[in-house]
C-alpha atoms as a PDB file:
ATOM      1  CA  UNK A   1     144.042 -35.263 -35.643  1.00  0.00           C
ATOM      2  CA  UNK A   2     141.168 -36.158 -38.005  1.00  0.00           C
ATOM      3  CA  UNK A   3     140.470 -33.969 -41.222  1.00  0.00           C
ATOM      4  CA  UNK A   4     137.218 -33.603 -42.990  1.00  0.00           C
ATOM      5  CA  UNK A   5     135.416 -33.065 -45.870  1.00  0.00           C
ATOM      6  CA  UNK A   6     132.155 -31.364 -46.879  1.00  0.00           C
ATOM      7  CA  UNK A   7     130.243 -32.060 -49.992  1.00  0.00           C
ATOM      8  CA  UNK A   8     127.431 -29.733 -50.918  1.00  0.00           C
ATOM      9  CA  UNK A   9     124.730 -31.173 -52.936  1.00  0.00           C
ATOM     10  CA  UNK A  10     121.403 -29.848 -53.677  1.00  0.00           C
ATOM     11  CA  UNK A  11     117.768 -31.513 -53.154  1.00  0.00           C
ATOM     12  CA  UNK A  12     116.423 -33.485 -56.195  1.00  0.00           C
ATOM     13  CA  UNK A  13     118.991 -33.140 -58.738  1.00  0.00           C
ATOM     14  CA  UNK A  14     120.206 -35.959 -60.757  1.00  0.00           C
ATOM     15  CA  UNK A  15     124.020 -36.132 -60.594  1.00  0.00           C
ATOM     16  CA  UNK A  16     126.542 -37.599 -63.042  1.00  0.00           C
ATOM     17  CA  UNK A  17     129.778 -37.719 -63.006  1.00  0.00           C
ATOM     18  CA  UNK A  18     130.703 -34.322 -64.499  1.00  0.00           C
ATOM     19  CA  UNK A  19     127.727 -32.570 -62.606  1.00  0.00           C
ATOM     20  CA  UNK A  20     128.849 -34.035 -59.611  1.00  0.00           C
ATOM     21  CA  UNK A  21     132.128 -32.728 -60.346  1.00  0.00           C
ATOM     22  CA  UNK A  22     131.296 -29.592 -61.287  1.00  0.00           C
ATOM     23  CA  UNK A  23     129.165 -29.207 -57.894  1.00  0.00           C
ATOM     24  CA  UNK A  24     132.007 -30.165 -55.843  1.00  0.00           C
ATOM     25  CA  UNK A  25     134.614 -28.271 -57.079  1.00  0.00           C
ATOM     26  CA  UNK A  26     132.151 -24.537 -56.487  1.00  0.00           C
ATOM     27  CA  UNK A  27     131.711 -25.803 -53.226  1.00  0.00           C
ATOM     28  CA  UNK A  28     135.115 -27.363 -51.374  1.00  0.00           C
ATOM     29  CA  UNK A  29     137.175 -24.559 -51.752  1.00  0.00           C
ATOM     30  CA  UNK A  30     140.304 -26.607 -52.428  1.00  0.00           C
ATOM     31  CA  UNK A  31     141.789 -28.622 -55.602  1.00  0.00           C
ATOM     32  CA  UNK A  32     140.694 -32.163 -55.677  1.00  0.00           C
ATOM     33  CA  UNK A  33     142.482 -34.616 -58.016  1.00  0.00           C
ATOM     34  CA  UNK A  34     140.523 -36.545 -61.064  1.00  0.00           C
ATOM     35  CA  UNK A  35     141.315 -40.018 -58.467  1.00  0.00           C
ATOM     36  CA  UNK A  36     140.099 -38.462 -55.774  1.00  0.00           C
ATOM     37  CA  UNK A  37     136.473 -36.928 -57.264  1.00  0.00           C
ATOM     38  CA  UNK A  38     136.452 -40.499 -58.915  1.00  0.00           C
ATOM     39  CA  UNK A  39     136.437 -42.097 -55.414  1.00  0.00           C
ATOM     40  CA  UNK A  40     134.376 -39.486 -54.001  1.00  0.00           C
ATOM     41  CA  UNK A  41     131.544 -39.901 -56.558  1.00  0.00           C
ATOM     42  CA  UNK A  42     131.521 -43.679 -56.535  1.00  0.00           C
ATOM     43  CA  UNK A  43     131.463 -43.366 -52.736  1.00  0.00           C
ATOM     44  CA  UNK A  44     128.431 -41.143 -52.600  1.00  0.00           C
ATOM     45  CA  UNK A  45     126.578 -43.128 -55.030  1.00  0.00           C
ATOM     46  CA  UNK A  46     127.277 -46.363 -53.036  1.00  0.00           C
ATOM     47  CA  UNK A  47     126.113 -44.413 -49.881  1.00  0.00           C
ATOM     48  CA  UNK A  48     123.068 -43.588 -51.660  1.00  0.00           C
ATOM     49  CA  UNK A  49     121.991 -46.570 -52.969  1.00  0.00           C
ATOM     50  CA  UNK A  50     123.493 -48.911 -50.159  1.00  0.00           C
ATOM     51  CA  UNK A  51     122.732 -47.098 -47.055  1.00  0.00           C
ATOM     52  CA  UNK A  52     120.321 -43.820 -47.534  1.00  0.00           C
ATOM     53  CA  UNK A  53     118.051 -45.366 -49.792  1.00  0.00           C
ATOM     54  CA  UNK A  54     116.978 -48.509 -47.545  1.00  0.00           C
ATOM     55  CA  UNK A  55     117.024 -46.445 -44.442  1.00  0.00           C
ATOM     56  CA  UNK A  56     114.590 -44.111 -45.735  1.00  0.00           C
ATOM     57  CA  UNK A  57     112.601 -46.882 -47.303  1.00  0.00           C
ATOM     58  CA  UNK A  58     112.404 -48.110 -43.669  1.00  0.00           C
ATOM     59  CA  UNK A  59     110.990 -45.071 -42.583  1.00  0.00           C
ATOM     60  CA  UNK A  60     108.578 -44.409 -45.031  1.00  0.00           C
ATOM     61  CA  UNK A  61     104.942 -45.746 -43.720  1.00  0.00           C
ATOM     62  CA  UNK A  62     102.498 -46.707 -47.172  1.00  0.00           C
ATOM     63  CA  UNK A  63      99.287 -45.842 -44.664  1.00  0.00           C
ATOM     64  CA  UNK A  64     100.786 -42.102 -44.580  1.00  0.00           C
ATOM     65  CA  UNK A  65     101.216 -41.668 -48.324  1.00  0.00           C
ATOM     66  CA  UNK A  66     104.506 -39.999 -47.969  1.00  0.00           C
ATOM     67  CA  UNK A  67     104.869 -37.464 -51.313  1.00  0.00           C
ATOM     68  CA  UNK A  68     108.887 -37.950 -51.495  1.00  0.00           C
ATOM     69  CA  UNK A  69     110.262 -41.279 -53.002  1.00  0.00           C
ATOM     70  CA  UNK A  70     113.344 -42.692 -51.678  1.00  0.00           C
ATOM     71  CA  UNK A  71     116.700 -41.179 -53.344  1.00  0.00           C
ATOM     72  CA  UNK A  72     117.831 -43.537 -56.413  1.00  0.00           C
ATOM     73  CA  UNK A  73     120.912 -44.554 -57.590  1.00  0.00           C
ATOM     74  CA  UNK A  74     122.164 -46.184 -60.955  1.00  0.00           C
ATOM     75  CA  UNK A  75     126.123 -47.087 -62.029  1.00  0.00           C
ATOM     76  CA  UNK A  76     126.715 -43.858 -63.625  1.00  0.00           C
ATOM     77  CA  UNK A  77     123.871 -41.424 -61.238  1.00  0.00           C
ATOM     78  CA  UNK A  78     122.611 -40.810 -58.223  1.00  0.00           C
ATOM     79  CA  UNK A  79     119.431 -38.517 -57.233  1.00  0.00           C
ATOM     80  CA  UNK A  80     119.499 -37.780 -53.377  1.00  0.00           C
ATOM     81  CA  UNK A  81     115.435 -36.548 -53.706  1.00  0.00           C
ATOM     82  CA  UNK A  82     113.601 -34.596 -51.466  1.00  0.00           C
ATOM     83  CA  UNK A  83     115.275 -35.736 -48.677  1.00  0.00           C
ATOM     84  CA  UNK A  84     117.898 -32.654 -47.283  1.00  0.00           C
ATOM     85  CA  UNK A  85     119.999 -32.729 -44.296  1.00  0.00           C
ATOM     86  CA  UNK A  86     123.546 -33.722 -43.316  1.00  0.00           C
ATOM     87  CA  UNK A  87     124.871 -37.440 -43.667  1.00  0.00           C
ATOM     88  CA  UNK A  88     128.253 -38.904 -43.022  1.00  0.00           C
ATOM     89  CA  UNK A  89     129.481 -40.969 -45.422  1.00  0.00           C
ATOM     90  CA  UNK A  90     131.750 -43.967 -44.884  1.00  0.00           C
ATOM     91  CA  UNK A  91     135.539 -43.273 -44.637  1.00  0.00           C
ATOM     92  CA  UNK A  92     138.212 -42.440 -45.183  1.00  0.00           C
ATOM     93  CA  UNK A  93     138.284 -41.273 -48.658  1.00  0.00           C
ATOM     94  CA  UNK A  94     140.816 -39.314 -50.548  1.00  0.00           C
ATOM     95  CA  UNK A  95     143.101 -39.102 -47.282  1.00  0.00           C
ATOM     96  CA  UNK A  96     139.687 -37.471 -45.323  1.00  0.00           C
ATOM     97  CA  UNK A  97     138.477 -39.553 -42.058  1.00  0.00           C
ATOM     98  CA  UNK A  98     135.305 -37.684 -42.142  1.00  0.00           C
ATOM     99  CA  UNK A  99     133.374 -37.033 -45.270  1.00  0.00           C
ATOM    100  CA  UNK A 100     129.848 -35.175 -44.650  1.00  0.00           C
ATOM    101  CA  UNK A 101     127.346 -34.820 -47.437  1.00  0.00           C
ATOM    102  CA  UNK A 102     125.357 -31.678 -47.345  1.00  0.00           C
ATOM    103  CA  UNK A 103     122.129 -32.014 -48.981  1.00  0.00           C
ATOM    104  CA  UNK A 104     120.724 -28.159 -49.483  1.00  0.00           C
ATOM    105  CA  UNK A 105     116.821 -27.733 -49.984  1.00  0.00           C
ATOM    106  CA  UNK A 106     115.501 -26.040 -53.054  1.00  0.00           C
ATOM    107  CA  UNK A 107     114.036 -23.045 -51.335  1.00  0.00           C
ATOM    108  CA  UNK A 108     117.244 -22.650 -48.994  1.00  0.00           C
ATOM    109  CA  UNK A 109     118.145 -23.220 -45.387  1.00  0.00           C
ATOM    110  CA  UNK A 110     116.546 -20.143 -44.189  1.00  0.00           C
ATOM    111  CA  UNK A 111     113.207 -20.530 -45.734  1.00  0.00           C
ATOM    112  CA  UNK A 112     113.351 -24.410 -45.016  1.00  0.00           C
ATOM    113  CA  UNK A 113     113.834 -23.731 -41.018  1.00  0.00           C
ATOM    114  CA  UNK A 114     111.157 -21.398 -41.244  1.00  0.00           C
ATOM    115  CA  UNK A 115     109.032 -23.964 -42.899  1.00  0.00           C
ATOM    116  CA  UNK A 116     109.733 -26.455 -40.025  1.00  0.00           C
ATOM    117  CA  UNK A 117     109.573 -23.974 -37.515  1.00  0.00           C
ATOM    118  CA  UNK A 118     105.988 -23.276 -38.613  1.00  0.00           C
ATOM    119  CA  UNK A 119     105.048 -26.991 -38.639  1.00  0.00           C
ATOM    120  CA  UNK A 120     106.190 -27.743 -35.301  1.00  0.00           C
ATOM    121  CA  UNK A 121     105.031 -24.273 -33.393  1.00  0.00           C
ATOM    122  CA  UNK A 122     101.503 -23.808 -34.780  1.00  0.00           C
ATOM    123  CA  UNK A 123     100.148 -26.943 -33.605  1.00  0.00           C
ATOM    124  CA  UNK A 124     101.682 -26.037 -29.945  1.00  0.00           C
ATOM    125  CA  UNK A 125      99.760 -23.099 -30.388  1.00  0.00           C
ATOM    126  CA  UNK A 126      96.211 -24.091 -31.740  1.00  0.00           C
ATOM    127  CA  UNK A 127      96.616 -27.545 -29.270  1.00  0.00           C
ATOM    128  CA  UNK A 128      95.723 -30.788 -29.085  1.00  0.00           C
ATOM    129  CA  UNK A 129      91.872 -30.448 -29.389  1.00  0.00           C
ATOM    130  CA  UNK A 130      92.274 -28.418 -32.689  1.00  0.00           C
ATOM    131  CA  UNK A 131      94.574 -30.518 -34.019  1.00  0.00           C
ATOM    132  CA  UNK A 132      93.566 -34.151 -33.634  1.00  0.00           C
ATOM    133  CA  UNK A 133      90.227 -33.582 -36.408  1.00  0.00           C
ATOM    134  CA  UNK A 134      92.987 -32.555 -38.604  1.00  0.00           C
ATOM    135  CA  UNK A 135      95.486 -35.517 -37.445  1.00  0.00           C
ATOM    136  CA  UNK A 136      92.220 -37.900 -38.040  1.00  0.00           C
ATOM    137  CA  UNK A 137      91.594 -36.444 -41.502  1.00  0.00           C
ATOM    138  CA  UNK A 138      95.217 -37.353 -42.558  1.00  0.00           C
ATOM    139  CA  UNK A 139      94.860 -41.110 -40.943  1.00  0.00           C
ATOM    140  CA  UNK A 140      91.533 -42.645 -40.613  1.00  0.00           C
ATOM    141  CA  UNK A 141      90.851 -44.736 -38.262  1.00  0.00           C
ATOM    142  CA  UNK A 142      87.413 -44.537 -37.097  1.00  0.00           C
ATOM    143  CA  UNK A 143      83.889 -43.574 -39.259  1.00  0.00           C
ATOM    144  CA  UNK A 144      83.343 -40.348 -37.327  1.00  0.00           C
ATOM    145  CA  UNK A 145      86.172 -38.830 -39.560  1.00  0.00           C
ATOM    146  CA  UNK A 146      83.397 -39.066 -42.388  1.00  0.00           C
ATOM    147  CA  UNK A 147      81.241 -36.775 -40.539  1.00  0.00           C
ATOM    148  CA  UNK A 148      84.552 -34.449 -39.481  1.00  0.00           C
ATOM    149  CA  UNK A 149      85.070 -34.081 -43.194  1.00  0.00           C
ATOM    150  CA  UNK A 150      81.920 -33.415 -44.457  1.00  0.00           C
ATOM    151  CA  UNK A 151      81.286 -30.823 -41.388  1.00  0.00           C
ATOM    152  CA  UNK A 152      84.162 -29.108 -42.579  1.00  0.00           C
ATOM    153  CA  UNK A 153      83.538 -28.948 -46.289  1.00  0.00           C
ATOM    154  CA  UNK A 154      80.001 -27.432 -44.909  1.00  0.00           C
ATOM    155  CA  UNK A 155      81.677 -24.753 -42.802  1.00  0.00           C
ATOM    156  CA  UNK A 156      83.565 -23.844 -45.822  1.00  0.00           C
ATOM    157  CA  UNK A 157      81.199 -23.417 -48.356  1.00  0.00           C
ATOM    158  CA  UNK A 158      78.823 -21.538 -45.965  1.00  0.00           C
ATOM    159  CA  UNK A 159      81.528 -19.144 -45.251  1.00  0.00           C
ATOM    160  CA  UNK A 160      81.972 -18.883 -49.138  1.00  0.00           C
ATOM    161  CA  UNK A 161      78.458 -18.380 -49.766  1.00  0.00           C
ATOM    162  CA  UNK A 162      78.285 -15.550 -46.675  1.00  0.00           C
ATOM    163  CA  UNK A 163      80.865 -13.850 -48.648  1.00  0.00           C
ATOM    164  CA  UNK A 164      79.467 -13.870 -51.892  1.00  0.00           C
ATOM    165  CA  UNK A 165      77.924 -11.049 -54.190  1.00  0.00           C
ATOM    166  CA  UNK A 166      74.283 -11.060 -51.944  1.00  0.00           C
ATOM    167  CA  UNK A 167      74.216  -8.466 -49.259  1.00  0.00           C
ATOM    168  CA  UNK A 168      76.512 -10.050 -46.463  1.00  0.00           C
ATOM    169  CA  UNK A 169      74.584 -10.688 -43.105  1.00  0.00           C
ATOM    170  CA  UNK A 170      78.041 -11.658 -41.112  1.00  0.00           C
ATOM    171  CA  UNK A 171      81.200 -10.214 -40.797  1.00  0.00           C
ATOM    172  CA  UNK A 172      84.649 -11.528 -39.635  1.00  0.00           C
ATOM    173  CA  UNK A 173      85.789 -10.474 -36.500  1.00  0.00           C
ATOM    174  CA  UNK A 174      88.742 -11.550 -34.234  1.00  0.00           C
ATOM    175  CA  UNK A 175      87.840 -13.470 -31.192  1.00  0.00           C
ATOM    176  CA  UNK A 176      90.047 -14.025 -28.242  1.00  0.00           C
ATOM    177  CA  UNK A 177      89.006 -16.940 -26.255  1.00  0.00           C
ATOM    178  CA  UNK A 178      90.570 -20.195 -24.497  1.00  0.00           C
ATOM    179  CA  UNK A 179      89.233 -22.234 -27.543  1.00  0.00           C
ATOM    180  CA  UNK A 180      89.713 -21.748 -31.609  1.00  0.00           C
ATOM    181  CA  UNK A 181      86.361 -20.414 -32.856  1.00  0.00           C
ATOM    182  CA  UNK A 182      87.129 -20.451 -36.201  1.00  0.00           C
ATOM    183  CA  UNK A 183      90.601 -19.901 -38.541  1.00  0.00           C
ATOM    184  CA  UNK A 184      93.449 -19.624 -36.370  1.00  0.00           C
ATOM    185  CA  UNK A 185      95.090 -16.029 -36.683  1.00  0.00           C
ATOM    186  CA  UNK A 186      98.715 -17.285 -36.215  1.00  0.00           C
ATOM    187  CA  UNK A 187     100.537 -13.890 -35.636  1.00  0.00           C
ATOM    188  CA  UNK A 188      97.832 -12.306 -33.073  1.00  0.00           C
ATOM    189  CA  UNK A 189      98.124 -15.948 -31.315  1.00  0.00           C
ATOM    190  CA  UNK A 190     101.711 -15.868 -31.169  1.00  0.00           C
ATOM    191  CA  UNK A 191     101.489 -12.371 -29.968  1.00  0.00           C
ATOM    192  CA  UNK A 192      99.441 -13.443 -27.095  1.00  0.00           C
ATOM    193  CA  UNK A 193     101.632 -16.463 -25.986  1.00  0.00           C
ATOM    194  CA  UNK A 194     104.963 -14.399 -25.957  1.00  0.00           C
ATOM    195  CA  UNK A 195     103.285 -12.132 -23.026  1.00  0.00           C
ATOM    196  CA  UNK A 196     102.271 -15.380 -21.197  1.00  0.00           C
ATOM    197  CA  UNK A 197      98.806 -15.402 -22.304  1.00  0.00           C
ATOM    198  CA  UNK A 198      96.887 -18.579 -23.095  1.00  0.00           C
ATOM    199  CA  UNK A 199      94.126 -17.292 -25.136  1.00  0.00           C
ATOM    200  CA  UNK A 200      93.883 -17.926 -28.858  1.00  0.00           C
ATOM    201  CA  UNK A 201      92.936 -15.808 -31.491  1.00  0.00           C
ATOM    202  CA  UNK A 202      90.481 -16.646 -34.192  1.00  0.00           C
ATOM    203  CA  UNK A 203      89.140 -15.064 -37.172  1.00  0.00           C
ATOM    204  CA  UNK A 204      85.336 -16.071 -37.125  1.00  0.00           C
ATOM    205  CA  UNK A 205      82.126 -14.887 -38.952  1.00  0.00           C
ATOM    206  CA  UNK A 206      79.576 -13.715 -36.765  1.00  0.00           C
ATOM    207  CA  UNK A 207      76.149 -11.854 -37.607  1.00  0.00           C
ATOM    208  CA  UNK A 208      76.874  -8.397 -38.600  1.00  0.00           C
ATOM    209  CA  UNK A 209      75.746  -5.568 -36.522  1.00  0.00           C
ATOM    210  CA  UNK A 210      72.704  -4.007 -37.835  1.00  0.00           C
ATOM    211  CA  UNK A 211      72.562  -0.025 -37.733  1.00  0.00           C
ATOM    212  CA  UNK A 212      68.895   1.582 -37.655  1.00  0.00           C
END
């Protein structure tokens, strides 16, 4: 029967041996000898330098301008950077067949899952037609992208001007339609999808009603 050990570390923290030992003792709930802790520290450091860092470097596409650098490791320390998740360190180590490294996000797993959910669900809600210009701005591949960027800026600046101290000639309204007509109201749109509707709720600026 195989035995396993889970090491819980945190995102974007520099771990020297002392900080590593302190964190491991807090997380494992069992007593580990000094020789075992030294073995684990060296194994994790080598894993970061020899496996994790090269794997992440191979995934990073320079044209996408990924902000998070790969993990780093030196002889006496390592830093997992902003790459969270669960990683299996090659074993056996300290008598354990499987050693799993859990890199916990700064915000905690609950908020991290919510951010991932938002990233995956909102594009599905607004649809490809609305998402395509956004992706084009991130990865420019055609001259018309410049027009899209300036069109978006013109829309935003016009909206700011109309919301300024001068008397308003427009007012913001929630519009239900098959396509996006302004800023997506995510909450209302999700409620519509929950009842099977394909409509999108948008917050759009429309001419203000004039009363006599």
